[in-house]
């Protein structure tokens, strides 16, 4: 009679231990998602109130998030060439890995979109891409008259490189959301960001993104790129059953906030085992 309570306790203990083990195994199966957020270009930065509001939403969903200041921000425009930007991204991804991330997502806004695509196209460590209000379109500098000043700067930079003056720092032009801005950089560095044949162009890198990397593209209906995003780059992305093209009621700047909950749900589904 005295043994029965002991046996019952043993049985309960074994059941409890088994439940803990099962729970631990399932916990190991759930990926810890690390998200590298990339802001838009000058005057953008990691203090941009539009993209910044996505960060707490991702963190609230249990994701690890880094939102660094990148070489194309207001305070760094332009700091080095495209290769340097890719190297910085690789460093941030390593940080997320060191913090326990088992899967990496890069979520870019505007200029952050071609950067995210370029990183993936070069074989970077990333398992999913979120492209919010894509911006920076080198190929269209030669297709739209309103971009004439940028086209002239690209031609000037090419001429400087051809003349052996590629390392000379000069003043070039850019247009961001219809506003002309100055770019002080070497001709080589400028071309790495603005040449239509460079990895900074979404149409160039889209076909080279690994087919196993799902992509969420979100475009605002009031954003100018909504008129040509699909033929320009989205239709060139390799087919993936988890990829999605989403149009929301938003401007170029408000797209990240408007799409935030949809982004969380898509990331969870795209990175699920």
C-alpha atoms as a PDB file:
ATOM      1  CA  UNK A   1       0.000   0.000   0.000  1.00  0.00           C
ATOM      2  CA  UNK A   2       2.806   2.365   0.811  1.00  0.00           C
ATOM      3  CA  UNK A   3       4.424   1.793  -2.592  1.00  0.00           C
ATOM      4  CA  UNK A   4       1.475   3.026  -4.645  1.00  0.00           C
ATOM      5  CA  UNK A   5       1.958   6.775  -3.910  1.00  0.00           C
ATOM      6  CA  UNK A   6       5.643   6.423  -4.738  1.00  0.00           C
ATOM      7  CA  UNK A   7       4.852   4.653  -8.008  1.00  0.00           C
ATOM      8  CA  UNK A   8       2.313   7.332  -8.866  1.00  0.00           C
ATOM      9  CA  UNK A   9       4.864  10.052  -8.173  1.00  0.00           C
ATOM     10  CA  UNK A  10       7.373   8.257 -10.359  1.00  0.00           C
ATOM     11  CA  UNK A  11       4.839   7.999 -13.182  1.00  0.00           C
ATOM     12  CA  UNK A  12       3.906  11.670 -12.883  1.00  0.00           C
ATOM     13  CA  UNK A  13       7.594  12.603 -12.846  1.00  0.00           C
ATOM     14  CA  UNK A  14       8.268  10.574 -15.980  1.00  0.00           C
ATOM     15  CA  UNK A  15       5.305  12.146 -17.746  1.00  0.00           C
ATOM     16  CA  UNK A  16       6.463  15.628 -16.737  1.00  0.00           C
ATOM     17  CA  UNK A  17      10.026  14.938 -17.934  1.00  0.00           C
ATOM     18  CA  UNK A  18       8.687  13.570 -21.208  1.00  0.00           C
ATOM     19  CA  UNK A  19       6.561  16.685 -21.686  1.00  0.00           C
ATOM     20  CA  UNK A  20       9.555  18.920 -21.038  1.00  0.00           C
ATOM     21  CA  UNK A  21      11.669  16.963 -23.525  1.00  0.00           C
ATOM     22  CA  UNK A  22       8.947  17.128 -26.175  1.00  0.00           C
ATOM     23  CA  UNK A  23       8.565  20.865 -25.585  1.00  0.00           C
ATOM     24  CA  UNK A  24      12.326  21.373 -25.911  1.00  0.00           C
ATOM     25  CA  UNK A  25      12.432  19.428 -29.178  1.00  0.00           C
ATOM     26  CA  UNK A  26       9.580  21.484 -30.608  1.00  0.00           C
ATOM     27  CA  UNK A  27      11.300  24.690 -29.455  1.00  0.00           C
ATOM     28  CA  UNK A  28      14.391  23.667 -31.394  1.00  0.00           C
ATOM     29  CA  UNK A  29      12.225  23.204 -34.512  1.00  0.00           C
ATOM     30  CA  UNK A  30      10.917  26.788 -34.341  1.00  0.00           C
ATOM     31  CA  UNK A  31      13.344  29.134 -36.124  1.00  0.00           C
ATOM     32  CA  UNK A  32      14.635  32.222 -34.355  1.00  0.00           C
ATOM     33  CA  UNK A  33      14.211  34.877 -37.014  1.00  0.00           C
ATOM     34  CA  UNK A  34      16.774  37.636 -37.361  1.00  0.00           C
ATOM     35  CA  UNK A  35      15.756  40.673 -39.416  1.00  0.00           C
ATOM     36  CA  UNK A  36      18.205  43.174 -40.885  1.00  0.00           C
ATOM     37  CA  UNK A  37      16.286  46.364 -41.659  1.00  0.00           C
ATOM     38  CA  UNK A  38      17.663  48.716 -44.326  1.00  0.00           C
ATOM     39  CA  UNK A  39      16.510  52.340 -44.575  1.00  0.00           C
ATOM     40  CA  UNK A  40      16.153  54.480 -47.689  1.00  0.00           C
ATOM     41  CA  UNK A  41      18.789  56.806 -49.117  1.00  0.00           C
ATOM     42  CA  UNK A  42      19.584  60.414 -48.234  1.00  0.00           C
ATOM     43  CA  UNK A  43      17.688  62.061 -46.579  1.00  0.00           C
ATOM     44  CA  UNK A  44      16.814  58.666 -45.126  1.00  0.00           C
ATOM     45  CA  UNK A  45      18.582  57.077 -42.166  1.00  0.00           C
ATOM     46  CA  UNK A  46      17.930  54.568 -39.402  1.00  0.00           C
ATOM     47  CA  UNK A  47      16.071  57.381 -37.610  1.00  0.00           C
ATOM     48  CA  UNK A  48      13.480  57.580 -40.381  1.00  0.00           C
ATOM     49  CA  UNK A  49      10.113  57.646 -38.568  1.00  0.00           C
ATOM     50  CA  UNK A  50       8.365  55.700 -41.324  1.00  0.00           C
ATOM     51  CA  UNK A  51      10.605  52.612 -41.483  1.00  0.00           C
ATOM     52  CA  UNK A  52      11.507  52.822 -37.776  1.00  0.00           C
ATOM     53  CA  UNK A  53       7.937  52.021 -36.763  1.00  0.00           C
ATOM     54  CA  UNK A  54       8.309  48.572 -38.293  1.00  0.00           C
ATOM     55  CA  UNK A  55      11.049  47.607 -35.823  1.00  0.00           C
ATOM     56  CA  UNK A  56       8.914  47.300 -32.646  1.00  0.00           C
ATOM     57  CA  UNK A  57       6.279  45.371 -34.603  1.00  0.00           C
ATOM     58  CA  UNK A  58       8.870  42.781 -35.642  1.00  0.00           C
ATOM     59  CA  UNK A  59      10.346  42.644 -32.132  1.00  0.00           C
ATOM     60  CA  UNK A  60       6.869  42.256 -30.684  1.00  0.00           C
ATOM     61  CA  UNK A  61       6.512  39.142 -32.834  1.00  0.00           C
ATOM     62  CA  UNK A  62       9.625  37.688 -31.195  1.00  0.00           C
ATOM     63  CA  UNK A  63      12.139  38.504 -33.909  1.00  0.00           C
ATOM     64  CA  UNK A  64      15.703  39.731 -33.446  1.00  0.00           C
ATOM     65  CA  UNK A  65      16.113  43.045 -35.281  1.00  0.00           C
ATOM     66  CA  UNK A  66      19.069  45.197 -36.324  1.00  0.00           C
ATOM     67  CA  UNK A  67      18.485  48.599 -37.920  1.00  0.00           C
ATOM     68  CA  UNK A  68      21.914  50.129 -38.679  1.00  0.00           C
ATOM     69  CA  UNK A  69      22.917  53.383 -40.360  1.00  0.00           C
ATOM     70  CA  UNK A  70      24.036  52.451 -43.879  1.00  0.00           C
ATOM     71  CA  UNK A  71      26.466  54.114 -46.354  1.00  0.00           C
ATOM     72  CA  UNK A  72      23.625  55.772 -48.293  1.00  0.00           C
ATOM     73  CA  UNK A  73      22.123  57.596 -45.280  1.00  0.00           C
ATOM     74  CA  UNK A  74      21.908  61.356 -44.841  1.00  0.00           C
ATOM     75  CA  UNK A  75      25.048  61.401 -42.700  1.00  0.00           C
ATOM     76  CA  UNK A  76      27.163  59.117 -44.907  1.00  0.00           C
ATOM     77  CA  UNK A  77      26.054  59.840 -48.487  1.00  0.00           C
ATOM     78  CA  UNK A  78      27.948  58.249 -50.252  1.00  0.00           C
ATOM     79  CA  UNK A  79      30.412  56.357 -48.089  1.00  0.00           C
ATOM     80  CA  UNK A  80      32.484  54.092 -50.322  1.00  0.00           C
ATOM     81  CA  UNK A  81      31.269  51.800 -53.069  1.00  0.00           C
ATOM     82  CA  UNK A  82      28.562  49.143 -53.373  1.00  0.00           C
ATOM     83  CA  UNK A  83      30.972  46.408 -52.301  1.00  0.00           C
ATOM     84  CA  UNK A  84      31.537  48.199 -48.988  1.00  0.00           C
ATOM     85  CA  UNK A  85      27.792  48.338 -48.380  1.00  0.00           C
ATOM     86  CA  UNK A  86      27.511  44.596 -49.055  1.00  0.00           C
ATOM     87  CA  UNK A  87      30.371  43.920 -46.630  1.00  0.00           C
ATOM     88  CA  UNK A  88      28.656  45.963 -43.921  1.00  0.00           C
ATOM     89  CA  UNK A  89      25.471  43.988 -44.430  1.00  0.00           C
ATOM     90  CA  UNK A  90      27.386  40.724 -44.089  1.00  0.00           C
ATOM     91  CA  UNK A  91      28.781  41.979 -40.786  1.00  0.00           C
ATOM     92  CA  UNK A  92      25.311  42.824 -39.481  1.00  0.00           C
ATOM     93  CA  UNK A  93      24.026  39.397 -40.504  1.00  0.00           C
ATOM     94  CA  UNK A  94      26.880  37.791 -38.543  1.00  0.00           C
ATOM     95  CA  UNK A  95      25.814  39.826 -35.519  1.00  0.00           C
ATOM     96  CA  UNK A  96      22.270  38.493 -35.806  1.00  0.00           C
ATOM     97  CA  UNK A  97      23.650  34.959 -36.082  1.00  0.00           C
ATOM     98  CA  UNK A  98      25.758  35.506 -32.961  1.00  0.00           C
ATOM     99  CA  UNK A  99      22.607  36.588 -31.121  1.00  0.00           C
ATOM    100  CA  UNK A 100      20.927  33.283 -31.919  1.00  0.00           C
ATOM    101  CA  UNK A 101      19.177  33.880 -35.243  1.00  0.00           C
ATOM    102  CA  UNK A 102      18.682  30.644 -37.148  1.00  0.00           C
ATOM    103  CA  UNK A 103      17.099  32.270 -40.195  1.00  0.00           C
ATOM    104  CA  UNK A 104      17.893  35.674 -41.694  1.00  0.00           C
ATOM    105  CA  UNK A 105      15.434  38.045 -43.341  1.00  0.00           C
ATOM    106  CA  UNK A 106      16.487  41.324 -44.935  1.00  0.00           C
ATOM    107  CA  UNK A 107      13.766  43.955 -45.016  1.00  0.00           C
ATOM    108  CA  UNK A 108      14.619  46.987 -47.117  1.00  0.00           C
ATOM    109  CA  UNK A 109      12.788  50.232 -47.802  1.00  0.00           C
ATOM    110  CA  UNK A 110      13.420  52.309 -50.943  1.00  0.00           C
ATOM    111  CA  UNK A 111      17.219  52.222 -51.486  1.00  0.00           C
ATOM    112  CA  UNK A 112      17.319  49.376 -48.986  1.00  0.00           C
ATOM    113  CA  UNK A 113      15.485  47.227 -51.533  1.00  0.00           C
ATOM    114  CA  UNK A 114      18.202  47.073 -54.233  1.00  0.00           C
ATOM    115  CA  UNK A 115      20.728  46.591 -51.419  1.00  0.00           C
ATOM    116  CA  UNK A 116      18.783  43.599 -50.070  1.00  0.00           C
ATOM    117  CA  UNK A 117      18.439  42.165 -53.581  1.00  0.00           C
ATOM    118  CA  UNK A 118      22.108  42.735 -54.369  1.00  0.00           C
ATOM    119  CA  UNK A 119      23.149  40.932 -51.183  1.00  0.00           C
ATOM    120  CA  UNK A 120      20.991  37.915 -52.020  1.00  0.00           C
ATOM    121  CA  UNK A 121      22.102  37.875 -55.667  1.00  0.00           C
ATOM    122  CA  UNK A 122      25.723  37.686 -54.528  1.00  0.00           C
ATOM    123  CA  UNK A 123      25.020  34.619 -52.445  1.00  0.00           C
ATOM    124  CA  UNK A 124      24.741  36.392 -49.097  1.00  0.00           C
ATOM    125  CA  UNK A 125      23.447  34.679 -45.972  1.00  0.00           C
ATOM    126  CA  UNK A 126      19.728  35.441 -46.214  1.00  0.00           C
ATOM    127  CA  UNK A 127      16.695  33.150 -46.281  1.00  0.00           C
ATOM    128  CA  UNK A 128      13.948  35.630 -47.217  1.00  0.00           C
ATOM    129  CA  UNK A 129      13.606  39.170 -48.586  1.00  0.00           C
ATOM    130  CA  UNK A 130      11.030  41.858 -47.787  1.00  0.00           C
ATOM    131  CA  UNK A 131      11.038  44.658 -50.379  1.00  0.00           C
ATOM    132  CA  UNK A 132       9.074  47.690 -49.193  1.00  0.00           C
ATOM    133  CA  UNK A 133       8.388  50.585 -51.589  1.00  0.00           C
ATOM    134  CA  UNK A 134      11.360  49.794 -53.875  1.00  0.00           C
ATOM    135  CA  UNK A 135      13.430  52.813 -54.856  1.00  0.00           C
ATOM    136  CA  UNK A 136      16.628  53.782 -56.724  1.00  0.00           C
ATOM    137  CA  UNK A 137      16.254  52.883 -60.398  1.00  0.00           C
ATOM    138  CA  UNK A 138      19.501  53.335 -62.399  1.00  0.00           C
ATOM    139  CA  UNK A 139      18.079  51.775 -65.577  1.00  0.00           C
ATOM    140  CA  UNK A 140      15.370  54.426 -65.742  1.00  0.00           C
ATOM    141  CA  UNK A 141      17.887  57.262 -65.757  1.00  0.00           C
ATOM    142  CA  UNK A 142      18.135  56.489 -69.459  1.00  0.00           C
ATOM    143  CA  UNK A 143      14.387  55.997 -69.976  1.00  0.00           C
ATOM    144  CA  UNK A 144      12.909  59.124 -68.383  1.00  0.00           C
ATOM    145  CA  UNK A 145      13.663  62.725 -69.359  1.00  0.00           C
ATOM    146  CA  UNK A 146      13.083  63.950 -65.789  1.00  0.00           C
ATOM    147  CA  UNK A 147      16.195  61.979 -64.792  1.00  0.00           C
ATOM    148  CA  UNK A 148      18.421  63.787 -67.284  1.00  0.00           C
ATOM    149  CA  UNK A 149      20.728  65.296 -64.649  1.00  0.00           C
ATOM    150  CA  UNK A 150      21.504  61.847 -63.235  1.00  0.00           C
ATOM    151  CA  UNK A 151      22.048  60.388 -66.694  1.00  0.00           C
ATOM    152  CA  UNK A 152      24.531  63.189 -67.433  1.00  0.00           C
ATOM    153  CA  UNK A 153      26.376  62.449 -64.174  1.00  0.00           C
ATOM    154  CA  UNK A 154      26.603  58.751 -65.033  1.00  0.00           C
ATOM    155  CA  UNK A 155      28.033  59.625 -68.446  1.00  0.00           C
ATOM    156  CA  UNK A 156      30.504  62.015 -66.815  1.00  0.00           C
ATOM    157  CA  UNK A 157      31.616  59.370 -64.296  1.00  0.00           C
ATOM    158  CA  UNK A 158      32.096  56.836 -67.097  1.00  0.00           C
ATOM    159  CA  UNK A 159      34.243  59.317 -68.993  1.00  0.00           C
ATOM    160  CA  UNK A 160      36.378  59.964 -65.912  1.00  0.00           C
ATOM    161  CA  UNK A 161      36.958  56.246 -65.400  1.00  0.00           C
ATOM    162  CA  UNK A 162      37.843  55.802 -69.065  1.00  0.00           C
ATOM    163  CA  UNK A 163      40.366  58.644 -68.716  1.00  0.00           C
ATOM    164  CA  UNK A 164      42.013  56.983 -65.730  1.00  0.00           C
ATOM    165  CA  UNK A 165      40.455  59.411 -63.234  1.00  0.00           C
ATOM    166  CA  UNK A 166      38.102  56.987 -61.541  1.00  0.00           C
ATOM    167  CA  UNK A 167      39.498  57.705 -58.070  1.00  0.00           C
ATOM    168  CA  UNK A 168      38.974  61.450 -58.349  1.00  0.00           C
ATOM    169  CA  UNK A 169      36.296  62.784 -55.987  1.00  0.00           C
ATOM    170  CA  UNK A 170      33.769  64.876 -57.862  1.00  0.00           C
ATOM    171  CA  UNK A 171      30.289  66.311 -57.415  1.00  0.00           C
ATOM    172  CA  UNK A 172      27.567  64.295 -59.158  1.00  0.00           C
ATOM    173  CA  UNK A 173      23.757  64.390 -59.174  1.00  0.00           C
ATOM    174  CA  UNK A 174      20.964  62.197 -57.866  1.00  0.00           C
ATOM    175  CA  UNK A 175      17.178  62.497 -57.733  1.00  0.00           C
ATOM    176  CA  UNK A 176      15.228  61.168 -54.763  1.00  0.00           C
ATOM    177  CA  UNK A 177      11.429  61.368 -54.862  1.00  0.00           C
ATOM    178  CA  UNK A 178      11.603  64.145 -57.430  1.00  0.00           C
ATOM    179  CA  UNK A 179      14.186  66.233 -55.564  1.00  0.00           C
ATOM    180  CA  UNK A 180      17.675  66.747 -56.962  1.00  0.00           C
ATOM    181  CA  UNK A 181      20.512  66.175 -54.489  1.00  0.00           C
ATOM    182  CA  UNK A 182      24.289  66.326 -54.754  1.00  0.00           C
ATOM    183  CA  UNK A 183      26.565  63.313 -54.427  1.00  0.00           C
ATOM    184  CA  UNK A 184      30.244  63.806 -53.585  1.00  0.00           C
ATOM    185  CA  UNK A 185      32.124  60.610 -54.421  1.00  0.00           C
ATOM    186  CA  UNK A 186      34.790  59.140 -56.639  1.00  0.00           C
ATOM    187  CA  UNK A 187      33.652  58.303 -60.170  1.00  0.00           C
ATOM    188  CA  UNK A 188      34.127  54.580 -59.486  1.00  0.00           C
ATOM    189  CA  UNK A 189      32.092  54.670 -56.281  1.00  0.00           C
ATOM    190  CA  UNK A 190      29.343  56.714 -57.901  1.00  0.00           C
ATOM    191  CA  UNK A 191      29.053  54.264 -60.791  1.00  0.00           C
ATOM    192  CA  UNK A 192      28.829  51.313 -58.394  1.00  0.00           C
ATOM    193  CA  UNK A 193      25.546  52.838 -57.192  1.00  0.00           C
ATOM    194  CA  UNK A 194      24.258  54.543 -60.340  1.00  0.00           C
ATOM    195  CA  UNK A 195      25.411  52.620 -63.400  1.00  0.00           C
ATOM    196  CA  UNK A 196      22.407  50.820 -64.961  1.00  0.00           C
ATOM    197  CA  UNK A 197      24.594  47.740 -65.423  1.00  0.00           C
ATOM    198  CA  UNK A 198      25.624  47.621 -61.752  1.00  0.00           C
ATOM    199  CA  UNK A 199      24.334  45.416 -58.939  1.00  0.00           C
ATOM    200  CA  UNK A 200      22.549  48.479 -57.575  1.00  0.00           C
ATOM    201  CA  UNK A 201      19.897  48.069 -60.278  1.00  0.00           C
ATOM    202  CA  UNK A 202      16.984  45.831 -59.313  1.00  0.00           C
ATOM    203  CA  UNK A 203      16.429  44.665 -62.868  1.00  0.00           C
ATOM    204  CA  UNK A 204      20.012  43.380 -62.956  1.00  0.00           C
ATOM    205  CA  UNK A 205      19.926  41.431 -59.696  1.00  0.00           C
ATOM    206  CA  UNK A 206      16.333  40.118 -59.743  1.00  0.00           C
ATOM    207  CA  UNK A 207      17.025  37.104 -62.022  1.00  0.00           C
ATOM    208  CA  UNK A 208      20.096  36.183 -59.957  1.00  0.00           C
ATOM    209  CA  UNK A 209      18.347  35.857 -56.600  1.00  0.00           C
ATOM    210  CA  UNK A 210      18.374  32.151 -55.610  1.00  0.00           C
ATOM    211  CA  UNK A 211      15.118  30.415 -56.481  1.00  0.00           C
ATOM    212  CA  UNK A 212      14.945  29.070 -52.937  1.00  0.00           C
ATOM    213  CA  UNK A 213      14.762  32.572 -51.458  1.00  0.00           C
ATOM    214  CA  UNK A 214      11.136  33.749 -51.096  1.00  0.00           C
ATOM    215  CA  UNK A 215      10.459  37.434 -51.727  1.00  0.00           C
ATOM    216  CA  UNK A 216       7.690  39.697 -50.470  1.00  0.00           C
ATOM    217  CA  UNK A 217       7.348  42.838 -52.596  1.00  0.00           C
ATOM    218  CA  UNK A 218       5.104  45.589 -51.223  1.00  0.00           C
ATOM    219  CA  UNK A 219       4.242  48.646 -53.317  1.00  0.00           C
ATOM    220  CA  UNK A 220       2.023  51.575 -52.359  1.00  0.00           C
ATOM    221  CA  UNK A 221      -0.717  52.500 -54.814  1.00  0.00           C
ATOM    222  CA  UNK A 222       0.353  56.172 -54.572  1.00  0.00           C
ATOM    223  CA  UNK A 223       4.017  55.367 -55.215  1.00  0.00           C
ATOM    224  CA  UNK A 224       5.277  56.163 -58.712  1.00  0.00           C
ATOM    225  CA  UNK A 225       7.024  52.815 -59.065  1.00  0.00           C
ATOM    226  CA  UNK A 226       3.665  51.030 -58.835  1.00  0.00           C
ATOM    227  CA  UNK A 227       3.266  51.754 -62.553  1.00  0.00           C
ATOM    228  CA  UNK A 228       6.320  49.804 -63.635  1.00  0.00           C
ATOM    229  CA  UNK A 229       7.634  47.686 -60.735  1.00  0.00           C
ATOM    230  CA  UNK A 230       6.489  44.378 -62.196  1.00  0.00           C
ATOM    231  CA  UNK A 231       8.121  44.578 -65.640  1.00  0.00           C
ATOM    232  CA  UNK A 232      11.142  46.406 -64.229  1.00  0.00           C
ATOM    233  CA  UNK A 233      12.143  43.767 -61.691  1.00  0.00           C
ATOM    234  CA  UNK A 234       9.342  41.837 -59.928  1.00  0.00           C
ATOM    235  CA  UNK A 235       8.468  39.687 -62.944  1.00  0.00           C
ATOM    236  CA  UNK A 236      12.160  38.801 -63.282  1.00  0.00           C
ATOM    237  CA  UNK A 237      12.355  37.206 -59.828  1.00  0.00           C
ATOM    238  CA  UNK A 238      12.688  33.401 -59.878  1.00  0.00           C
ATOM    239  CA  UNK A 239       9.408  31.616 -59.169  1.00  0.00           C
ATOM    240  CA  UNK A 240       8.895  30.604 -55.546  1.00  0.00           C
ATOM    241  CA  UNK A 241       5.591  29.380 -54.067  1.00  0.00           C
ATOM    242  CA  UNK A 242       6.115  31.525 -50.960  1.00  0.00           C
ATOM    243  CA  UNK A 243       6.850  34.750 -52.845  1.00  0.00           C
ATOM    244  CA  UNK A 244       4.157  37.417 -52.946  1.00  0.00           C
ATOM    245  CA  UNK A 245       3.528  40.750 -54.662  1.00  0.00           C
ATOM    246  CA  UNK A 246       1.325  42.986 -52.521  1.00  0.00           C
ATOM    247  CA  UNK A 247      -0.109  46.400 -53.351  1.00  0.00           C
ATOM    248  CA  UNK A 248      -1.321  48.497 -50.413  1.00  0.00           C
ATOM    249  CA  UNK A 249      -3.001  51.879 -50.057  1.00  0.00           C
ATOM    250  CA  UNK A 250       0.055  53.942 -49.179  1.00  0.00           C
ATOM    251  CA  UNK A 251       2.679  56.383 -50.391  1.00  0.00           C
ATOM    252  CA  UNK A 252       6.363  55.648 -50.845  1.00  0.00           C
ATOM    253  CA  UNK A 253       7.035  56.734 -47.268  1.00  0.00           C
ATOM    254  CA  UNK A 254       4.064  55.170 -45.489  1.00  0.00           C
ATOM    255  CA  UNK A 255       4.286  51.719 -47.091  1.00  0.00           C
ATOM    256  CA  UNK A 256       6.405  50.128 -44.292  1.00  0.00           C
ATOM    257  CA  UNK A 257       3.903  51.191 -41.600  1.00  0.00           C
ATOM    258  CA  UNK A 258       0.794  50.269 -43.568  1.00  0.00           C
ATOM    259  CA  UNK A 259       2.196  46.837 -44.438  1.00  0.00           C
ATOM    260  CA  UNK A 260       3.784  46.060 -41.045  1.00  0.00           C
ATOM    261  CA  UNK A 261       1.317  43.398 -39.857  1.00  0.00           C
ATOM    262  CA  UNK A 262       1.252  41.755 -43.292  1.00  0.00           C
ATOM    263  CA  UNK A 263       5.054  41.693 -43.223  1.00  0.00           C
ATOM    264  CA  UNK A 264       5.108  39.879 -39.872  1.00  0.00           C
ATOM    265  CA  UNK A 265       2.635  37.244 -41.026  1.00  0.00           C
ATOM    266  CA  UNK A 266       4.477  36.703 -44.298  1.00  0.00           C
ATOM    267  CA  UNK A 267       7.869  36.356 -42.599  1.00  0.00           C
ATOM    268  CA  UNK A 268       6.485  33.729 -40.218  1.00  0.00           C
ATOM    269  CA  UNK A 269       4.995  31.738 -43.090  1.00  0.00           C
ATOM    270  CA  UNK A 270       8.031  32.120 -45.369  1.00  0.00           C
ATOM    271  CA  UNK A 271      10.507  30.965 -42.716  1.00  0.00           C
ATOM    272  CA  UNK A 272       8.415  28.170 -41.240  1.00  0.00           C
ATOM    273  CA  UNK A 273      10.030  24.682 -41.309  1.00  0.00           C
END
